[in-house]
PDB file of N, CA and C in Angstrom:
ATOM      1  N   UNK A   1     -20.285 -23.373  45.990  1.00  0.00           N
ATOM      2  CA  UNK A   1     -21.023 -24.116  44.974  1.00  0.00           C
ATOM      3  C   UNK A   1     -22.356 -23.429  44.722  1.00  0.00           C
ATOM      4  N   UNK A   2     -22.954 -23.776  43.614  1.00  0.00           N
ATOM      5  CA  UNK A   2     -24.242 -23.183  43.255  1.00  0.00           C
ATOM      6  C   UNK A   2     -25.136 -24.248  42.639  1.00  0.00           C
ATOM      7  N   UNK A   3     -26.422 -23.967  42.652  1.00  0.00           N
ATOM      8  CA  UNK A   3     -27.377 -24.855  41.991  1.00  0.00           C
ATOM      9  C   UNK A   3     -27.616 -24.428  40.555  1.00  0.00           C
ATOM     10  N   UNK A   4     -27.380 -23.143  40.264  1.00  0.00           N
ATOM     11  CA  UNK A   4     -27.568 -22.591  38.919  1.00  0.00           C
ATOM     12  C   UNK A   4     -26.720 -21.327  38.815  1.00  0.00           C
ATOM     13  N   UNK A   5     -26.528 -20.862  37.587  1.00  0.00           N
ATOM     14  CA  UNK A   5     -25.742 -19.650  37.350  1.00  0.00           C
ATOM     15  C   UNK A   5     -26.558 -18.708  36.476  1.00  0.00           C
ATOM     16  N   UNK A   6     -26.552 -17.421  36.850  1.00  0.00           N
ATOM     17  CA  UNK A   6     -27.196 -16.382  36.050  1.00  0.00           C
ATOM     18  C   UNK A   6     -26.093 -15.474  35.523  1.00  0.00           C
ATOM     19  N   UNK A   7     -26.047 -15.298  34.210  1.00  0.00           N
ATOM     20  CA  UNK A   7     -25.050 -14.430  33.576  1.00  0.00           C
ATOM     21  C   UNK A   7     -25.709 -13.120  33.169  1.00  0.00           C
ATOM     22  N   UNK A   8     -25.072 -12.026  33.548  1.00  0.00           N
ATOM     23  CA  UNK A   8     -25.527 -10.696  33.160  1.00  0.00           C
ATOM     24  C   UNK A   8     -24.603 -10.179  32.064  1.00  0.00           C
ATOM     25  N   UNK A   9     -25.005  -9.131  31.351  1.00  0.00           N
ATOM     26  CA  UNK A   9     -24.165  -8.637  30.268  1.00  0.00           C
ATOM     27  C   UNK A   9     -22.747  -8.324  30.754  1.00  0.00           C
ATOM     28  N   UNK A  10     -21.782  -8.745  29.981  1.00  0.00           N
ATOM     29  CA  UNK A  10     -20.386  -8.518  30.335  1.00  0.00           C
ATOM     30  C   UNK A  10     -19.499  -8.815  29.147  1.00  0.00           C
ATOM     31  N   UNK A  11     -18.233  -8.986  29.436  1.00  0.00           N
ATOM     32  CA  UNK A  11     -17.269  -9.247  28.366  1.00  0.00           C
ATOM     33  C   UNK A  11     -16.700 -10.642  28.508  1.00  0.00           C
ATOM     34  N   UNK A  12     -15.424 -10.787  28.300  1.00  0.00           N
ATOM     35  CA  UNK A  12     -14.818 -12.118  28.250  1.00  0.00           C
ATOM     36  C   UNK A  12     -14.782 -12.826  29.595  1.00  0.00           C
ATOM     37  N   UNK A  13     -14.735 -12.085  30.692  1.00  0.00           N
ATOM     38  CA  UNK A  13     -14.804 -12.711  32.010  1.00  0.00           C
ATOM     39  C   UNK A  13     -16.142 -13.399  32.212  1.00  0.00           C
ATOM     40  N   UNK A  14     -17.202 -12.745  31.769  1.00  0.00           N
ATOM     41  CA  UNK A  14     -18.537 -13.339  31.838  1.00  0.00           C
ATOM     42  C   UNK A  14     -18.599 -14.588  30.979  1.00  0.00           C
ATOM     43  N   UNK A  15     -18.039 -14.505  29.803  1.00  0.00           N
ATOM     44  CA  UNK A  15     -18.030 -15.655  28.902  1.00  0.00           C
ATOM     45  C   UNK A  15     -17.308 -16.844  29.535  1.00  0.00           C
ATOM     46  N   UNK A  16     -16.173 -16.590  30.175  1.00  0.00           N
ATOM     47  CA  UNK A  16     -15.439 -17.703  30.785  1.00  0.00           C
ATOM     48  C   UNK A  16     -16.206 -18.285  31.965  1.00  0.00           C
ATOM     49  N   UNK A  17     -16.885 -17.452  32.747  1.00  0.00           N
ATOM     50  CA  UNK A  17     -17.687 -17.968  33.855  1.00  0.00           C
ATOM     51  C   UNK A  17     -18.864 -18.794  33.337  1.00  0.00           C
ATOM     52  N   UNK A  18     -19.426 -18.390  32.209  1.00  0.00           N
ATOM     53  CA  UNK A  18     -20.496 -19.183  31.599  1.00  0.00           C
ATOM     54  C   UNK A  18     -19.961 -20.551  31.180  1.00  0.00           C
ATOM     55  N   UNK A  19     -18.761 -20.569  30.630  1.00  0.00           N
ATOM     56  CA  UNK A  19     -18.153 -21.840  30.220  1.00  0.00           C
ATOM     57  C   UNK A  19     -17.911 -22.738  31.428  1.00  0.00           C
ATOM     58  N   UNK A  20     -17.449 -22.165  32.534  1.00  0.00           N
ATOM     59  CA  UNK A  20     -17.239 -22.952  33.755  1.00  0.00           C
ATOM     60  C   UNK A  20     -18.553 -23.557  34.237  1.00  0.00           C
ATOM     61  N   UNK A  21     -19.626 -22.775  34.187  1.00  0.00           N
ATOM     62  CA  UNK A  21     -20.936 -23.274  34.621  1.00  0.00           C
ATOM     63  C   UNK A  21     -21.378 -24.445  33.749  1.00  0.00           C
ATOM     64  N   UNK A  22     -21.201 -24.317  32.448  1.00  0.00           N
ATOM     65  CA  UNK A  22     -21.585 -25.399  31.543  1.00  0.00           C
ATOM     66  C   UNK A  22     -20.739 -26.642  31.786  1.00  0.00           C
ATOM     67  N   UNK A  23     -19.439 -26.463  31.990  1.00  0.00           N
ATOM     68  CA  UNK A  23     -18.568 -27.608  32.260  1.00  0.00           C
ATOM     69  C   UNK A  23     -18.952 -28.303  33.558  1.00  0.00           C
ATOM     70  N   UNK A  24     -19.445 -27.546  34.526  1.00  0.00           N
ATOM     71  CA  UNK A  24     -19.845 -28.108  35.817  1.00  0.00           C
ATOM     72  C   UNK A  24     -21.237 -28.722  35.767  1.00  0.00           C
ATOM     73  N   UNK A  25     -21.920 -28.566  34.630  1.00  0.00           N
ATOM     74  CA  UNK A  25     -23.256 -29.133  34.490  1.00  0.00           C
ATOM     75  C   UNK A  25     -24.339 -28.359  35.218  1.00  0.00           C
ATOM     76  N   UNK A  26     -24.092 -27.078  35.478  1.00  0.00           N
ATOM     77  CA  UNK A  26     -25.065 -26.235  36.171  1.00  0.00           C
ATOM     78  C   UNK A  26     -26.019 -25.607  35.163  1.00  0.00           C
ATOM     79  N   UNK A  27     -27.312 -25.485  35.517  1.00  0.00           N
ATOM     80  CA  UNK A  27     -28.218 -24.739  34.646  1.00  0.00           C
ATOM     81  C   UNK A  27     -27.703 -23.305  34.506  1.00  0.00           C
ATOM     82  N   UNK A  28     -27.755 -22.787  33.293  1.00  0.00           N
ATOM     83  CA  UNK A  28     -27.219 -21.456  33.012  1.00  0.00           C
ATOM     84  C   UNK A  28     -28.299 -20.599  32.374  1.00  0.00           C
ATOM     85  N   UNK A  29     -28.575 -19.455  33.005  1.00  0.00           N
ATOM     86  CA  UNK A  29     -29.563 -18.505  32.502  1.00  0.00           C
ATOM     87  C   UNK A  29     -28.829 -17.218  32.147  1.00  0.00           C
ATOM     88  N   UNK A  30     -29.013 -16.751  30.942  1.00  0.00           N
ATOM     89  CA  UNK A  30     -28.355 -15.551  30.441  1.00  0.00           C
ATOM     90  C   UNK A  30     -29.369 -14.417  30.334  1.00  0.00           C
ATOM     91  N   UNK A  31     -29.109 -13.320  31.060  1.00  0.00           N
ATOM     92  CA  UNK A  31     -29.981 -12.144  31.008  1.00  0.00           C
ATOM     93  C   UNK A  31     -29.368 -11.159  30.026  1.00  0.00           C
ATOM     94  N   UNK A  32     -29.870 -11.168  28.808  1.00  0.00           N
ATOM     95  CA  UNK A  32     -29.377 -10.260  27.762  1.00  0.00           C
ATOM     96  C   UNK A  32     -27.862 -10.311  27.618  1.00  0.00           C
ATOM     97  N   UNK A  33     -27.276 -11.463  27.844  1.00  0.00           N
ATOM     98  CA  UNK A  33     -25.825 -11.622  27.712  1.00  0.00           C
ATOM     99  C   UNK A  33     -25.544 -12.503  26.501  1.00  0.00           C
ATOM    100  N   UNK A  34     -24.378 -13.088  26.463  1.00  0.00           N
ATOM    101  CA  UNK A  34     -23.929 -13.912  25.346  1.00  0.00           C
ATOM    102  C   UNK A  34     -24.997 -14.919  24.931  1.00  0.00           C
ATOM    103  N   UNK A  35     -25.305 -14.968  23.653  1.00  0.00           N
ATOM    104  CA  UNK A  35     -26.278 -15.929  23.126  1.00  0.00           C
ATOM    105  C   UNK A  35     -25.523 -17.025  22.394  1.00  0.00           C
ATOM    106  N   UNK A  36     -25.266 -18.102  23.128  1.00  0.00           N
ATOM    107  CA  UNK A  36     -24.458 -19.203  22.610  1.00  0.00           C
ATOM    108  C   UNK A  36     -25.152 -20.517  22.920  1.00  0.00           C
ATOM    109  N   UNK A  37     -25.387 -21.329  21.965  1.00  0.00           N
ATOM    110  CA  UNK A  37     -25.824 -22.697  22.196  1.00  0.00           C
ATOM    111  C   UNK A  37     -27.185 -22.883  22.834  1.00  0.00           C
ATOM    112  N   UNK A  38     -27.705 -24.080  22.632  1.00  0.00           N
ATOM    113  CA  UNK A  38     -29.037 -24.428  23.114  1.00  0.00           C
ATOM    114  C   UNK A  38     -29.081 -24.732  24.602  1.00  0.00           C
ATOM    115  N   UNK A  39     -27.935 -25.037  25.221  1.00  0.00           N
ATOM    116  CA  UNK A  39     -27.945 -25.384  26.636  1.00  0.00           C
ATOM    117  C   UNK A  39     -28.010 -24.160  27.540  1.00  0.00           C
ATOM    118  N   UNK A  40     -27.994 -22.971  26.950  1.00  0.00           N
ATOM    119  CA  UNK A  40     -28.111 -21.726  27.709  1.00  0.00           C
ATOM    120  C   UNK A  40     -29.534 -21.210  27.565  1.00  0.00           C
ATOM    121  N   UNK A  41     -30.156 -20.907  28.695  1.00  0.00           N
ATOM    122  CA  UNK A  41     -31.517 -20.370  28.706  1.00  0.00           C
ATOM    123  C   UNK A  41     -31.421 -18.848  28.637  1.00  0.00           C
ATOM    124  N   UNK A  42     -32.061 -18.247  27.647  1.00  0.00           N
ATOM    125  CA  UNK A  42     -31.976 -16.802  27.445  1.00  0.00           C
ATOM    126  C   UNK A  42     -33.259 -16.122  27.898  1.00  0.00           C
ATOM    127  N   UNK A  43     -33.120 -15.067  28.701  1.00  0.00           N
ATOM    128  CA  UNK A  43     -34.251 -14.262  29.153  1.00  0.00           C
ATOM    129  C   UNK A  43     -33.877 -12.794  28.995  1.00  0.00           C
ATOM    130  N   UNK A  44     -34.864 -11.926  29.146  1.00  0.00           N
ATOM    131  CA  UNK A  44     -34.630 -10.501  28.942  1.00  0.00           C
ATOM    132  C   UNK A  44     -34.603  -9.683  30.228  1.00  0.00           C
ATOM    133  N   UNK A  45     -35.028 -10.256  31.358  1.00  0.00           N
ATOM    134  CA  UNK A  45     -35.068  -9.470  32.591  1.00  0.00           C
ATOM    135  C   UNK A  45     -34.601 -10.301  33.787  1.00  0.00           C
ATOM    136  N   UNK A  46     -34.144  -9.620  34.831  1.00  0.00           N
ATOM    137  CA  UNK A  46     -33.754 -10.338  36.048  1.00  0.00           C
ATOM    138  C   UNK A  46     -34.921 -11.102  36.674  1.00  0.00           C
ATOM    139  N   UNK A  47     -36.122 -10.547  36.558  1.00  0.00           N
ATOM    140  CA  UNK A  47     -37.298 -11.226  37.109  1.00  0.00           C
ATOM    141  C   UNK A  47     -37.543 -12.556  36.401  1.00  0.00           C
ATOM    142  N   UNK A  48     -37.433 -12.543  35.077  1.00  0.00           N
ATOM    143  CA  UNK A  48     -37.571 -13.791  34.317  1.00  0.00           C
ATOM    144  C   UNK A  48     -36.494 -14.788  34.725  1.00  0.00           C
ATOM    145  N   UNK A  49     -35.285 -14.294  34.929  1.00  0.00           N
ATOM    146  CA  UNK A  49     -34.179 -15.171  35.321  1.00  0.00           C
ATOM    147  C   UNK A  49     -34.464 -15.827  36.662  1.00  0.00           C
ATOM    148  N   UNK A  50     -34.949 -15.055  37.625  1.00  0.00           N
ATOM    149  CA  UNK A  50     -35.240 -15.603  38.955  1.00  0.00           C
ATOM    150  C   UNK A  50     -36.290 -16.698  38.876  1.00  0.00           C
ATOM    151  N   UNK A  51     -37.356 -16.458  38.126  1.00  0.00           N
ATOM    152  CA  UNK A  51     -38.413 -17.471  37.987  1.00  0.00           C
ATOM    153  C   UNK A  51     -37.879 -18.721  37.297  1.00  0.00           C
ATOM    154  N   UNK A  52     -37.116 -18.542  36.243  1.00  0.00           N
ATOM    155  CA  UNK A  52     -36.594 -19.684  35.497  1.00  0.00           C
ATOM    156  C   UNK A  52     -35.600 -20.485  36.333  1.00  0.00           C
ATOM    157  N   UNK A  53     -34.737 -19.808  37.072  1.00  0.00           N
ATOM    158  CA  UNK A  53     -33.783 -20.515  37.929  1.00  0.00           C
ATOM    159  C   UNK A  53     -34.526 -21.375  38.941  1.00  0.00           C
ATOM    160  N   UNK A  54     -35.562 -20.840  39.546  1.00  0.00           N
ATOM    161  CA  UNK A  54     -36.334 -21.624  40.520  1.00  0.00           C
ATOM    162  C   UNK A  54     -36.930 -22.867  39.866  1.00  0.00           C
ATOM    163  N   UNK A  55     -37.445 -22.727  38.658  1.00  0.00           N
ATOM    164  CA  UNK A  55     -37.986 -23.886  37.936  1.00  0.00           C
ATOM    165  C   UNK A  55     -36.892 -24.908  37.636  1.00  0.00           C
ATOM    166  N   UNK A  56     -35.765 -24.444  37.132  1.00  0.00           N
ATOM    167  CA  UNK A  56     -34.677 -25.350  36.753  1.00  0.00           C
ATOM    168  C   UNK A  56     -34.097 -26.074  37.964  1.00  0.00           C
ATOM    169  N   UNK A  57     -33.928 -25.368  39.056  1.00  0.00           N
ATOM    170  CA  UNK A  57     -33.361 -25.978  40.262  1.00  0.00           C
ATOM    171  C   UNK A  57     -34.334 -26.993  40.844  1.00  0.00           C
ATOM    172  N   UNK A  58     -35.614 -26.680  40.806  1.00  0.00           N
ATOM    173  CA  UNK A  58     -36.625 -27.605  41.319  1.00  0.00           C
ATOM    174  C   UNK A  58     -36.659 -28.880  40.482  1.00  0.00           C
ATOM    175  N   UNK A  59     -36.494 -28.756  39.167  1.00  0.00           N
ATOM    176  CA  UNK A  59     -36.493 -29.921  38.269  1.00  0.00           C
ATOM    177  C   UNK A  59     -35.323 -30.852  38.535  1.00  0.00           C
ATOM    178  N   UNK A  60     -34.171 -30.294  38.906  1.00  0.00           N
ATOM    179  CA  UNK A  60     -32.973 -31.113  39.064  1.00  0.00           C
ATOM    180  C   UNK A  60     -32.847 -31.747  40.444  1.00  0.00           C
ATOM    181  N   UNK A  61     -33.714 -31.386  41.367  1.00  0.00           N
ATOM    182  CA  UNK A  61     -33.632 -31.966  42.723  1.00  0.00           C
ATOM    183  C   UNK A  61     -34.667 -33.028  42.944  1.00  0.00           C
TER     184      UNK A  61
END
């Protein structure tokens, strides 16, 4: 299990894993990957993703 999911650039496997994360209600951060919907948080670097994940996980606990 996870508290959040970070998606890196990829193809359809990445897209399906992003869908699983959304269905599970996990915060989803996309690092220069698929740009879909408002429920996905988009960032440009792994460092931004790490900071954002920590914020999102702290908010949900």
